[in-house]
């Protein structure tokens, strides 16, 4: 239903990089408990 939920299901589903701006909502997703900081860390490492 929301951009925050979309960002959460995408990164949890296996997407690393967002062509677009919706991943800006990931901070809210972390605060709301939808995504862990560990997943953000692992995803960032994959890109680097």
ModelCIF file with pLDDT and N, C-alpha, C, O atoms, coordinates in Angstrom:
data_MODEL
#
_entry.id   MODEL 
#
_entity.id                         1 
_entity.type                       polymer 
_entity.pdbx_number_of_molecules   1 
#
_entity_poly.entity_id                      1 
_entity_poly.type                           'polypeptide(L)' 
_entity_poly.nstd_linkage                   no 
_entity_poly.nstd_monomer                   no 
_entity_poly.pdbx_seq_one_letter_code       
;(UNK)(UNK)(UNK)(UNK)(UNK)(UNK)(UNK)(UNK)(UNK)(UNK)(UNK)(UNK)(UNK)(UNK)(UNK)(UNK)
(UNK)(UNK)(UNK)(UNK)(UNK)(UNK)(UNK)(UNK)(UNK)(UNK)(UNK)(UNK)(UNK)(UNK)(UNK)(UNK)
(UNK)(UNK)(UNK)(UNK)(UNK)(UNK)(UNK)(UNK)(UNK)(UNK)(UNK)(UNK)(UNK)(UNK)(UNK)(UNK)
;
_entity_poly.pdbx_seq_one_letter_code_can   XXXXXXXXXXXXXXXXXXXXXXXXXXXXXXXXXXXXXXXXXXXXXXXX 
_entity_poly.pdbx_strand_id                 A 
#
loop_
_entity_poly_seq.entity_id 
_entity_poly_seq.num 
_entity_poly_seq.mon_id 
_entity_poly_seq.hetero 
1 1  UNK n 
1 2  UNK n 
1 3  UNK n 
1 4  UNK n 
1 5  UNK n 
1 6  UNK n 
1 7  UNK n 
1 8  UNK n 
1 9  UNK n 
1 10 UNK n 
1 11 UNK n 
1 12 UNK n 
1 13 UNK n 
1 14 UNK n 
1 15 UNK n 
1 16 UNK n 
1 17 UNK n 
1 18 UNK n 
1 19 UNK n 
1 20 UNK n 
1 21 UNK n 
1 22 UNK n 
1 23 UNK n 
1 24 UNK n 
1 25 UNK n 
1 26 UNK n 
1 27 UNK n 
1 28 UNK n 
1 29 UNK n 
1 30 UNK n 
1 31 UNK n 
1 32 UNK n 
1 33 UNK n 
1 34 UNK n 
1 35 UNK n 
1 36 UNK n 
1 37 UNK n 
1 38 UNK n 
1 39 UNK n 
1 40 UNK n 
1 41 UNK n 
1 42 UNK n 
1 43 UNK n 
1 44 UNK n 
1 45 UNK n 
1 46 UNK n 
1 47 UNK n 
1 48 UNK n 
#
_struct_asym.id          A 
_struct_asym.entity_id   1 
#
loop_
_ma_qa_metric.id 
_ma_qa_metric.mode 
_ma_qa_metric.name 
_ma_qa_metric.software_group_id 
_ma_qa_metric.type 
1 global pLDDT . pLDDT 
2 local  pLDDT . pLDDT 
#
_ma_qa_metric_global.metric_id      1 
_ma_qa_metric_global.metric_value   97.90 
_ma_qa_metric_global.model_id       1 
_ma_qa_metric_global.ordinal_id     1 
#
loop_
_ma_qa_metric_local.label_asym_id 
_ma_qa_metric_local.label_comp_id 
_ma_qa_metric_local.label_seq_id 
_ma_qa_metric_local.metric_id 
_ma_qa_metric_local.metric_value 
_ma_qa_metric_local.model_id 
_ma_qa_metric_local.ordinal_id 
A UNK 1  2 98.00 1 1  
A UNK 2  2 98.00 1 2  
A UNK 3  2 98.00 1 3  
A UNK 4  2 98.00 1 4  
A UNK 5  2 98.00 1 5  
A UNK 6  2 98.00 1 6  
A UNK 7  2 98.00 1 7  
A UNK 8  2 98.00 1 8  
A UNK 9  2 98.00 1 9  
A UNK 10 2 98.00 1 10 
A UNK 11 2 98.00 1 11 
A UNK 12 2 98.00 1 12 
A UNK 13 2 98.00 1 13 
A UNK 14 2 98.00 1 14 
A UNK 15 2 98.00 1 15 
A UNK 16 2 98.00 1 16 
A UNK 17 2 98.00 1 17 
A UNK 18 2 98.00 1 18 
A UNK 19 2 98.00 1 19 
A UNK 20 2 97.00 1 20 
A UNK 21 2 96.00 1 21 
A UNK 22 2 98.00 1 22 
A UNK 23 2 98.00 1 23 
A UNK 24 2 97.00 1 24 
A UNK 25 2 98.00 1 25 
A UNK 26 2 98.00 1 26 
A UNK 27 2 98.00 1 27 
A UNK 28 2 98.00 1 28 
A UNK 29 2 98.00 1 29 
A UNK 30 2 98.00 1 30 
A UNK 31 2 98.00 1 31 
A UNK 32 2 97.00 1 32 
A UNK 33 2 98.00 1 33 
A UNK 34 2 98.00 1 34 
A UNK 35 2 98.00 1 35 
A UNK 36 2 98.00 1 36 
A UNK 37 2 98.00 1 37 
A UNK 38 2 98.00 1 38 
A UNK 39 2 98.00 1 39 
A UNK 40 2 98.00 1 40 
A UNK 41 2 98.00 1 41 
A UNK 42 2 98.00 1 42 
A UNK 43 2 98.00 1 43 
A UNK 44 2 98.00 1 44 
A UNK 45 2 98.00 1 45 
A UNK 46 2 98.00 1 46 
A UNK 47 2 98.00 1 47 
A UNK 48 2 98.00 1 48 
#
loop_
_atom_site.group_PDB 
_atom_site.id 
_atom_site.type_symbol 
_atom_site.label_atom_id 
_atom_site.label_alt_id 
_atom_site.label_comp_id 
_atom_site.label_asym_id 
_atom_site.label_entity_id 
_atom_site.label_seq_id 
_atom_site.pdbx_PDB_ins_code 
_atom_site.Cartn_x 
_atom_site.Cartn_y 
_atom_site.Cartn_z 
_atom_site.occupancy 
_atom_site.B_iso_or_equiv 
_atom_site.pdbx_formal_charge 
_atom_site.auth_seq_id 
_atom_site.auth_comp_id 
_atom_site.auth_asym_id 
_atom_site.auth_atom_id 
_atom_site.pdbx_PDB_model_num 
ATOM 1   N N  . UNK A 1 1  ? 0.798  -1.230  0.000   1.00 98.00 ? 1  UNK A N  1 
ATOM 2   C CA . UNK A 1 1  ? 0.000  0.000   0.000   1.00 98.00 ? 1  UNK A CA 1 
ATOM 3   C C  . UNK A 1 1  ? 0.824  1.271   0.000   1.00 98.00 ? 1  UNK A C  1 
ATOM 4   O O  . UNK A 1 1  ? 0.341  2.307   -0.456  1.00 98.00 ? 1  UNK A O  1 
ATOM 5   N N  . UNK A 1 2  ? 2.071  1.228   0.503   1.00 98.00 ? 2  UNK A N  1 
ATOM 6   C CA . UNK A 1 2  ? 2.818  2.468   0.690   1.00 98.00 ? 2  UNK A CA 1 
ATOM 7   C C  . UNK A 1 2  ? 4.221  2.366   0.105   1.00 98.00 ? 2  UNK A C  1 
ATOM 8   O O  . UNK A 1 2  ? 4.720  1.262   -0.110  1.00 98.00 ? 2  UNK A O  1 
ATOM 9   N N  . UNK A 1 3  ? 4.870  3.513   -0.157  1.00 98.00 ? 3  UNK A N  1 
ATOM 10  C CA . UNK A 1 3  ? 6.260  3.511   -0.615  1.00 98.00 ? 3  UNK A CA 1 
ATOM 11  C C  . UNK A 1 3  ? 7.202  2.849   0.391   1.00 98.00 ? 3  UNK A C  1 
ATOM 12  O O  . UNK A 1 3  ? 8.147  2.171   -0.011  1.00 98.00 ? 3  UNK A O  1 
ATOM 13  N N  . UNK A 1 4  ? 6.963  3.032   1.679   1.00 98.00 ? 4  UNK A N  1 
ATOM 14  C CA . UNK A 1 4  ? 7.816  2.427   2.712   1.00 98.00 ? 4  UNK A CA 1 
ATOM 15  C C  . UNK A 1 4  ? 7.748  0.905   2.613   1.00 98.00 ? 4  UNK A C  1 
ATOM 16  O O  . UNK A 1 4  ? 8.769  0.219   2.662   1.00 98.00 ? 4  UNK A O  1 
ATOM 17  N N  . UNK A 1 5  ? 6.534  0.394   2.472   1.00 98.00 ? 5  UNK A N  1 
ATOM 18  C CA . UNK A 1 5  ? 6.364  -1.054  2.350   1.00 98.00 ? 5  UNK A CA 1 
ATOM 19  C C  . UNK A 1 5  ? 7.007  -1.579  1.057   1.00 98.00 ? 5  UNK A C  1 
ATOM 20  O O  . UNK A 1 5  ? 7.595  -2.661  1.040   1.00 98.00 ? 5  UNK A O  1 
ATOM 21  N N  . UNK A 1 6  ? 6.886  -0.798  -0.018  1.00 98.00 ? 6  UNK A N  1 
ATOM 22  C CA . UNK A 1 6  ? 7.483  -1.207  -1.293  1.00 98.00 ? 6  UNK A CA 1 
ATOM 23  C C  . UNK A 1 6  ? 9.000  -1.300  -1.185  1.00 98.00 ? 6  UNK A C  1 
ATOM 24  O O  . UNK A 1 6  ? 9.603  -2.266  -1.652  1.00 98.00 ? 6  UNK A O  1 
ATOM 25  N N  . UNK A 1 7  ? 9.611  -0.295  -0.571  1.00 98.00 ? 7  UNK A N  1 
ATOM 26  C CA . UNK A 1 7  ? 11.057 -0.327  -0.386  1.00 98.00 ? 7  UNK A CA 1 
ATOM 27  C C  . UNK A 1 7  ? 11.465 -1.526  0.458   1.00 98.00 ? 7  UNK A C  1 
ATOM 28  O O  . UNK A 1 7  ? 12.481 -2.168  0.189   1.00 98.00 ? 7  UNK A O  1 
ATOM 29  N N  . UNK A 1 8  ? 10.673 -1.823  1.474   1.00 98.00 ? 8  UNK A N  1 
ATOM 30  C CA . UNK A 1 8  ? 10.998 -2.934  2.376   1.00 98.00 ? 8  UNK A CA 1 
ATOM 31  C C  . UNK A 1 8  ? 10.913 -4.279  1.671   1.00 98.00 ? 8  UNK A C  1 
ATOM 32  O O  . UNK A 1 8  ? 11.823 -5.099  1.796   1.00 98.00 ? 8  UNK A O  1 
ATOM 33  N N  . UNK A 1 9  ? 9.826  -4.521  0.924   1.00 98.00 ? 9  UNK A N  1 
ATOM 34  C CA . UNK A 1 9  ? 9.689  -5.834  0.279   1.00 98.00 ? 9  UNK A CA 1 
ATOM 35  C C  . UNK A 1 9  ? 10.701 -6.005  -0.844  1.00 98.00 ? 9  UNK A C  1 
ATOM 36  O O  . UNK A 1 9  ? 11.105 -7.126  -1.153  1.00 98.00 ? 9  UNK A O  1 
ATOM 37  N N  . UNK A 1 10 ? 11.113 -4.894  -1.458  1.00 98.00 ? 10 UNK A N  1 
ATOM 38  C CA . UNK A 1 10 ? 12.103 -4.982  -2.540  1.00 98.00 ? 10 UNK A CA 1 
ATOM 39  C C  . UNK A 1 10 ? 13.469 -5.377  -2.000  1.00 98.00 ? 10 UNK A C  1 
ATOM 40  O O  . UNK A 1 10 ? 14.094 -6.302  -2.517  1.00 98.00 ? 10 UNK A O  1 
ATOM 41  N N  . UNK A 1 11 ? 13.937 -4.692  -0.971  1.00 98.00 ? 11 UNK A N  1 
ATOM 42  C CA . UNK A 1 11 ? 15.272 -5.005  -0.460  1.00 98.00 ? 11 UNK A CA 1 
ATOM 43  C C  . UNK A 1 11 ? 15.280 -6.376  0.226   1.00 98.00 ? 11 UNK A C  1 
ATOM 44  O O  . UNK A 1 11 ? 16.274 -7.099  0.156   1.00 98.00 ? 11 UNK A O  1 
ATOM 45  N N  . UNK A 1 12 ? 14.192 -6.726  0.878   1.00 98.00 ? 12 UNK A N  1 
ATOM 46  C CA . UNK A 1 12 ? 14.107 -8.051  1.503   1.00 98.00 ? 12 UNK A CA 1 
ATOM 47  C C  . UNK A 1 12 ? 13.958 -9.156  0.454   1.00 98.00 ? 12 UNK A C  1 
ATOM 48  O O  . UNK A 1 12 ? 14.357 -10.298 0.680   1.00 98.00 ? 12 UNK A O  1 
ATOM 49  N N  . UNK A 1 13 ? 13.376 -8.799  -0.699  1.00 98.00 ? 13 UNK A N  1 
ATOM 50  C CA . UNK A 1 13 ? 13.194 -9.778  -1.760  1.00 98.00 ? 13 UNK A CA 1 
ATOM 51  C C  . UNK A 1 13 ? 14.442 -10.045 -2.572  1.00 98.00 ? 13 UNK A C  1 
ATOM 52  O O  . UNK A 1 13 ? 14.493 -11.007 -3.339  1.00 98.00 ? 13 UNK A O  1 
ATOM 53  N N  . UNK A 1 14 ? 15.465 -9.188  -2.409  1.00 98.00 ? 14 UNK A N  1 
ATOM 54  C CA . UNK A 1 14 ? 16.721 -9.440  -3.109  1.00 98.00 ? 14 UNK A CA 1 
ATOM 55  C C  . UNK A 1 14 ? 17.212 -8.326  -3.997  1.00 98.00 ? 14 UNK A C  1 
ATOM 56  O O  . UNK A 1 14 ? 18.218 -8.496  -4.685  1.00 98.00 ? 14 UNK A O  1 
ATOM 57  N N  . UNK A 1 15 ? 16.534 -7.180  -4.009  1.00 98.00 ? 15 UNK A N  1 
ATOM 58  C CA . UNK A 1 15 ? 16.999 -6.039  -4.794  1.00 98.00 ? 15 UNK A CA 1 
ATOM 59  C C  . UNK A 1 15 ? 18.064 -5.273  -4.020  1.00 98.00 ? 15 UNK A C  1 
ATOM 60  O O  . UNK A 1 15 ? 17.888 -4.974  -2.839  1.00 98.00 ? 15 UNK A O  1 
ATOM 61  N N  . UNK A 1 16 ? 19.173 -4.957  -4.692  1.00 98.00 ? 16 UNK A N  1 
ATOM 62  C CA . UNK A 1 16 ? 20.251 -4.189  -4.063  1.00 98.00 ? 16 UNK A CA 1 
ATOM 63  C C  . UNK A 1 16 ? 20.178 -2.701  -4.375  1.00 98.00 ? 16 UNK A C  1 
ATOM 64  O O  . UNK A 1 16 ? 20.377 -1.861  -3.497  1.00 98.00 ? 16 UNK A O  1 
ATOM 65  N N  . UNK A 1 17 ? 19.889 -2.383  -5.633  1.00 98.00 ? 17 UNK A N  1 
ATOM 66  C CA . UNK A 1 17 ? 19.968 -1.003  -6.100  1.00 98.00 ? 17 UNK A CA 1 
ATOM 67  C C  . UNK A 1 17 ? 18.639 -0.598  -6.705  1.00 98.00 ? 17 UNK A C  1 
ATOM 68  O O  . UNK A 1 17 ? 18.048 -1.343  -7.487  1.00 98.00 ? 17 UNK A O  1 
ATOM 69  N N  . UNK A 1 18 ? 18.170 0.586   -6.340  1.00 98.00 ? 18 UNK A N  1 
ATOM 70  C CA . UNK A 1 18 ? 16.904 1.114   -6.835  1.00 98.00 ? 18 UNK A CA 1 
ATOM 71  C C  . UNK A 1 18 ? 17.189 2.166   -7.894  1.00 98.00 ? 18 UNK A C  1 
ATOM 72  O O  . UNK A 1 18 ? 17.724 3.231   -7.586  1.00 98.00 ? 18 UNK A O  1 
ATOM 73  N N  . UNK A 1 19 ? 16.832 1.871   -9.145  1.00 98.00 ? 19 UNK A N  1 
ATOM 74  C CA . UNK A 1 19 ? 16.817 2.933   -10.148 1.00 98.00 ? 19 UNK A CA 1 
ATOM 75  C C  . UNK A 1 19 ? 15.522 3.699   -9.930  1.00 98.00 ? 19 UNK A C  1 
ATOM 76  O O  . UNK A 1 19 ? 14.449 3.281   -10.365 1.00 98.00 ? 19 UNK A O  1 
ATOM 77  N N  . UNK A 1 20 ? 15.645 4.804   -9.260  1.00 97.00 ? 20 UNK A N  1 
ATOM 78  C CA . UNK A 1 20 ? 14.483 5.565   -8.821  1.00 97.00 ? 20 UNK A CA 1 
ATOM 79  C C  . UNK A 1 20 ? 14.731 6.105   -7.429  1.00 97.00 ? 20 UNK A C  1 
ATOM 80  O O  . UNK A 1 20 ? 15.866 6.095   -6.954  1.00 97.00 ? 20 UNK A O  1 
ATOM 81  N N  . UNK A 1 21 ? 13.688 6.574   -6.771  1.00 96.00 ? 21 UNK A N  1 
ATOM 82  C CA . UNK A 1 21 ? 13.870 7.231   -5.487  1.00 96.00 ? 21 UNK A CA 1 
ATOM 83  C C  . UNK A 1 21 ? 13.207 6.575   -4.302  1.00 96.00 ? 21 UNK A C  1 
ATOM 84  O O  . UNK A 1 21 ? 13.314 7.081   -3.185  1.00 96.00 ? 21 UNK A O  1 
ATOM 85  N N  . UNK A 1 22 ? 12.510 5.445   -4.511  1.00 98.00 ? 22 UNK A N  1 
ATOM 86  C CA . UNK A 1 22 ? 11.710 4.878   -3.433  1.00 98.00 ? 22 UNK A CA 1 
ATOM 87  C C  . UNK A 1 22 ? 12.554 4.340   -2.285  1.00 98.00 ? 22 UNK A C  1 
ATOM 88  O O  . UNK A 1 22 ? 12.074 4.276   -1.153  1.00 98.00 ? 22 UNK A O  1 
ATOM 89  N N  . UNK A 1 23 ? 13.801 3.951   -2.549  1.00 98.00 ? 23 UNK A N  1 
ATOM 90  C CA . UNK A 1 23 ? 14.661 3.466   -1.464  1.00 98.00 ? 23 UNK A CA 1 
ATOM 91  C C  . UNK A 1 23 ? 15.004 4.563   -0.455  1.00 98.00 ? 23 UNK A C  1 
ATOM 92  O O  . UNK A 1 23 ? 15.583 4.276   0.593   1.00 98.00 ? 23 UNK A O  1 
ATOM 93  N N  . UNK A 1 24 ? 14.659 5.797   -0.754  1.00 97.00 ? 24 UNK A N  1 
ATOM 94  C CA . UNK A 1 24 ? 14.812 6.860   0.247   1.00 97.00 ? 24 UNK A CA 1 
ATOM 95  C C  . UNK A 1 24 ? 13.935 6.588   1.470   1.00 97.00 ? 24 UNK A C  1 
ATOM 96  O O  . UNK A 1 24 ? 14.174 7.138   2.545   1.00 97.00 ? 24 UNK A O  1 
ATOM 97  N N  . UNK A 1 25 ? 12.925 5.740   1.302   1.00 98.00 ? 25 UNK A N  1 
ATOM 98  C CA . UNK A 1 25 ? 12.007 5.407   2.389   1.00 98.00 ? 25 UNK A CA 1 
ATOM 99  C C  . UNK A 1 25 ? 12.569 4.331   3.320   1.00 98.00 ? 25 UNK A C  1 
ATOM 100 O O  . UNK A 1 25 ? 11.909 3.958   4.290   1.00 98.00 ? 25 UNK A O  1 
ATOM 101 N N  . UNK A 1 26 ? 13.769 3.827   3.046   1.00 98.00 ? 26 UNK A N  1 
ATOM 102 C CA . UNK A 1 26 ? 14.296 2.723   3.855   1.00 98.00 ? 26 UNK A CA 1 
ATOM 103 C C  . UNK A 1 26 ? 14.575 3.124   5.298   1.00 98.00 ? 26 UNK A C  1 
ATOM 104 O O  . UNK A 1 26 ? 14.508 2.277   6.188   1.00 98.00 ? 26 UNK A O  1 
ATOM 105 N N  . UNK A 1 27 ? 14.885 4.388   5.551   1.00 98.00 ? 27 UNK A N  1 
ATOM 106 C CA . UNK A 1 27 ? 15.101 4.810   6.934   1.00 98.00 ? 27 UNK A CA 1 
ATOM 107 C C  . UNK A 1 27 ? 13.810 4.630   7.740   1.00 98.00 ? 27 UNK A C  1 
ATOM 108 O O  . UNK A 1 27 ? 13.839 4.162   8.878   1.00 98.00 ? 27 UNK A O  1 
ATOM 109 N N  . UNK A 1 28 ? 12.686 5.008   7.137   1.00 98.00 ? 28 UNK A N  1 
ATOM 110 C CA . UNK A 1 28 ? 11.399 4.796   7.802   1.00 98.00 ? 28 UNK A CA 1 
ATOM 111 C C  . UNK A 1 28 ? 11.124 3.309   7.975   1.00 98.00 ? 28 UNK A C  1 
ATOM 112 O O  . UNK A 1 28 ? 10.574 2.884   8.990   1.00 98.00 ? 28 UNK A O  1 
ATOM 113 N N  . UNK A 1 29 ? 11.511 2.521   6.973   1.00 98.00 ? 29 UNK A N  1 
ATOM 114 C CA . UNK A 1 29 ? 11.293 1.079   7.055   1.00 98.00 ? 29 UNK A CA 1 
ATOM 115 C C  . UNK A 1 29 ? 12.070 0.468   8.209   1.00 98.00 ? 29 UNK A C  1 
ATOM 116 O O  . UNK A 1 29 ? 11.592 -0.462  8.859   1.00 98.00 ? 29 UNK A O  1 
ATOM 117 N N  . UNK A 1 30 ? 13.274 0.988   8.469   1.00 98.00 ? 30 UNK A N  1 
ATOM 118 C CA . UNK A 1 30 ? 14.074 0.511   9.606   1.00 98.00 ? 30 UNK A CA 1 
ATOM 119 C C  . UNK A 1 30 ? 13.411 0.914   10.921  1.00 98.00 ? 30 UNK A C  1 
ATOM 120 O O  . UNK A 1 30 ? 13.289 0.110   11.846  1.00 98.00 ? 30 UNK A O  1 
ATOM 121 N N  . UNK A 1 31 ? 12.988 2.175   10.984  1.00 98.00 ? 31 UNK A N  1 
ATOM 122 C CA . UNK A 1 31 ? 12.349 2.682   12.201  1.00 98.00 ? 31 UNK A CA 1 
ATOM 123 C C  . UNK A 1 31 ? 11.078 1.887   12.513  1.00 98.00 ? 31 UNK A C  1 
ATOM 124 O O  . UNK A 1 31 ? 10.780 1.620   13.677  1.00 98.00 ? 31 UNK A O  1 
ATOM 125 N N  . UNK A 1 32 ? 10.334 1.513   11.476  1.00 97.00 ? 32 UNK A N  1 
ATOM 126 C CA . UNK A 1 32 ? 9.081  0.783   11.664  1.00 97.00 ? 32 UNK A CA 1 
ATOM 127 C C  . UNK A 1 32 ? 9.297  -0.718  11.846  1.00 97.00 ? 32 UNK A C  1 
ATOM 128 O O  . UNK A 1 32 ? 8.336  -1.468  12.016  1.00 97.00 ? 32 UNK A O  1 
ATOM 129 N N  . UNK A 1 33 ? 10.542 -1.153  11.812  1.00 98.00 ? 33 UNK A N  1 
ATOM 130 C CA . UNK A 1 33 ? 10.846 -2.559  12.032  1.00 98.00 ? 33 UNK A CA 1 
ATOM 131 C C  . UNK A 1 33 ? 10.606 -3.457  10.830  1.00 98.00 ? 33 UNK A C  1 
ATOM 132 O O  . UNK A 1 33 ? 10.556 -4.680  10.968  1.00 98.00 ? 33 UNK A O  1 
ATOM 133 N N  . UNK A 1 34 ? 10.456 -2.854  9.641   1.00 98.00 ? 34 UNK A N  1 
ATOM 134 C CA . UNK A 1 34 ? 10.216 -3.642  8.433   1.00 98.00 ? 34 UNK A CA 1 
ATOM 135 C C  . UNK A 1 34 ? 11.505 -4.182  7.826   1.00 98.00 ? 34 UNK A C  1 
ATOM 136 O O  . UNK A 1 34 ? 11.505 -5.194  7.126   1.00 98.00 ? 34 UNK A O  1 
ATOM 137 N N  . UNK A 1 35 ? 12.598 -3.488  8.107   1.00 98.00 ? 35 UNK A N  1 
ATOM 138 C CA . UNK A 1 35 ? 13.908 -3.856  7.537   1.00 98.00 ? 35 UNK A CA 1 
ATOM 139 C C  . UNK A 1 35 ? 14.953 -3.708  8.625   1.00 98.00 ? 35 UNK A C  1 
ATOM 140 O O  . UNK A 1 35 ? 14.893 -2.771  9.422   1.00 98.00 ? 35 UNK A O  1 
ATOM 141 N N  . UNK A 1 36 ? 15.910 -4.622  8.667   1.00 98.00 ? 36 UNK A N  1 
ATOM 142 C CA . UNK A 1 36 ? 16.972 -4.533  9.670   1.00 98.00 ? 36 UNK A CA 1 
ATOM 143 C C  . UNK A 1 36 ? 18.156 -3.718  9.148   1.00 98.00 ? 36 UNK A C  1 
ATOM 144 O O  . UNK A 1 36 ? 18.388 -3.644  7.942   1.00 98.00 ? 36 UNK A O  1 
ATOM 145 N N  . UNK A 1 37 ? 18.894 -3.114  10.067  1.00 98.00 ? 37 UNK A N  1 
ATOM 146 C CA . UNK A 1 37 ? 20.107 -2.403  9.680   1.00 98.00 ? 37 UNK A CA 1 
ATOM 147 C C  . UNK A 1 37 ? 21.135 -3.362  9.114   1.00 98.00 ? 37 UNK A C  1 
ATOM 148 O O  . UNK A 1 37 ? 21.939 -2.982  8.263   1.00 98.00 ? 37 UNK A O  1 
ATOM 149 N N  . UNK A 1 38 ? 21.118 -4.614  9.583   1.00 98.00 ? 38 UNK A N  1 
ATOM 150 C CA . UNK A 1 38 ? 22.059 -5.620  9.059   1.00 98.00 ? 38 UNK A CA 1 
ATOM 151 C C  . UNK A 1 38 ? 21.829 -5.862  7.571   1.00 98.00 ? 38 UNK A C  1 
ATOM 152 O O  . UNK A 1 38 ? 22.784 -6.043  6.816   1.00 98.00 ? 38 UNK A O  1 
ATOM 153 N N  . UNK A 1 39 ? 20.574 -5.865  7.149   1.00 98.00 ? 39 UNK A N  1 
ATOM 154 C CA . UNK A 1 39 ? 20.278 -6.059  5.729   1.00 98.00 ? 39 UNK A CA 1 
ATOM 155 C C  . UNK A 1 39 ? 20.745 -4.854  4.914   1.00 98.00 ? 39 UNK A C  1 
ATOM 156 O O  . UNK A 1 39 ? 21.289 -5.015  3.822   1.00 98.00 ? 39 UNK A O  1 
ATOM 157 N N  . UNK A 1 40 ? 20.536 -3.656  5.439   1.00 98.00 ? 40 UNK A N  1 
ATOM 158 C CA . UNK A 1 40 ? 21.030 -2.448  4.762   1.00 98.00 ? 40 UNK A CA 1 
ATOM 159 C C  . UNK A 1 40 ? 22.544 -2.536  4.600   1.00 98.00 ? 40 UNK A C  1 
ATOM 160 O O  . UNK A 1 40 ? 23.079 -2.215  3.539   1.00 98.00 ? 40 UNK A O  1 
ATOM 161 N N  . UNK A 1 41 ? 23.221 -2.965  5.637   1.00 98.00 ? 41 UNK A N  1 
ATOM 162 C CA . UNK A 1 41 ? 24.681 -3.083  5.617   1.00 98.00 ? 41 UNK A CA 1 
ATOM 163 C C  . UNK A 1 41 ? 25.129 -4.095  4.554   1.00 98.00 ? 41 UNK A C  1 
ATOM 164 O O  . UNK A 1 41 ? 26.023 -3.810  3.758   1.00 98.00 ? 41 UNK A O  1 
ATOM 165 N N  . UNK A 1 42 ? 24.505 -5.268  4.549   1.00 98.00 ? 42 UNK A N  1 
ATOM 166 C CA . UNK A 1 42 ? 24.891 -6.316  3.594   1.00 98.00 ? 42 UNK A CA 1 
ATOM 167 C C  . UNK A 1 42 ? 24.604 -5.884  2.155   1.00 98.00 ? 42 UNK A C  1 
ATOM 168 O O  . UNK A 1 42 ? 25.378 -6.188  1.247   1.00 98.00 ? 42 UNK A O  1 
ATOM 169 N N  . UNK A 1 43 ? 23.502 -5.184  1.950   1.00 98.00 ? 43 UNK A N  1 
ATOM 170 C CA . UNK A 1 43 ? 23.144 -4.730  0.608   1.00 98.00 ? 43 UNK A CA 1 
ATOM 171 C C  . UNK A 1 43 ? 24.128 -3.686  0.111   1.00 98.00 ? 43 UNK A C  1 
ATOM 172 O O  . UNK A 1 43 ? 24.537 -3.721  -1.049  1.00 98.00 ? 43 UNK A O  1 
ATOM 173 N N  . UNK A 1 44 ? 24.511 -2.762  0.975   1.00 98.00 ? 44 UNK A N  1 
ATOM 174 C CA . UNK A 1 44 ? 25.491 -1.741  0.600   1.00 98.00 ? 44 UNK A CA 1 
ATOM 175 C C  . UNK A 1 44 ? 26.826 -2.379  0.237   1.00 98.00 ? 44 UNK A C  1 
ATOM 176 O O  . UNK A 1 44 ? 27.473 -1.970  -0.726  1.00 98.00 ? 44 UNK A O  1 
ATOM 177 N N  . UNK A 1 45 ? 27.231 -3.369  0.998   1.00 98.00 ? 45 UNK A N  1 
ATOM 178 C CA . UNK A 1 45 ? 28.476 -4.078  0.703   1.00 98.00 ? 45 UNK A CA 1 
ATOM 179 C C  . UNK A 1 45 ? 28.428 -4.729  -0.679  1.00 98.00 ? 45 UNK A C  1 
ATOM 180 O O  . UNK A 1 45 ? 29.414 -4.708  -1.415  1.00 98.00 ? 45 UNK A O  1 
ATOM 181 N N  . UNK A 1 46 ? 27.287 -5.300  -1.023  1.00 98.00 ? 46 UNK A N  1 
ATOM 182 C CA . UNK A 1 46 ? 27.174 -5.970  -2.325  1.00 98.00 ? 46 UNK A CA 1 
ATOM 183 C C  . UNK A 1 46 ? 27.431 -4.990  -3.463  1.00 98.00 ? 46 UNK A C  1 
ATOM 184 O O  . UNK A 1 46 ? 28.075 -5.334  -4.454  1.00 98.00 ? 46 UNK A O  1 
ATOM 185 N N  . UNK A 1 47 ? 26.929 -3.777  -3.319  1.00 98.00 ? 47 UNK A N  1 
ATOM 186 C CA . UNK A 1 47 ? 27.139 -2.768  -4.353  1.00 98.00 ? 47 UNK A CA 1 
ATOM 187 C C  . UNK A 1 47 ? 28.594 -2.329  -4.426  1.00 98.00 ? 47 UNK A C  1 
ATOM 188 O O  . UNK A 1 47 ? 29.130 -2.130  -5.516  1.00 98.00 ? 47 UNK A O  1 
ATOM 189 N N  . UNK A 1 48 ? 29.230 -2.178  -3.281  1.00 98.00 ? 48 UNK A N  1 
ATOM 190 C CA . UNK A 1 48 ? 30.623 -1.720  -3.299  1.00 98.00 ? 48 UNK A CA 1 
ATOM 191 C C  . UNK A 1 48 ? 31.582 -2.801  -3.793  1.00 98.00 ? 48 UNK A C  1 
ATOM 192 O O  . UNK A 1 48 ? 32.789 -2.568  -3.866  1.00 98.00 ? 48 UNK A O  1 
#
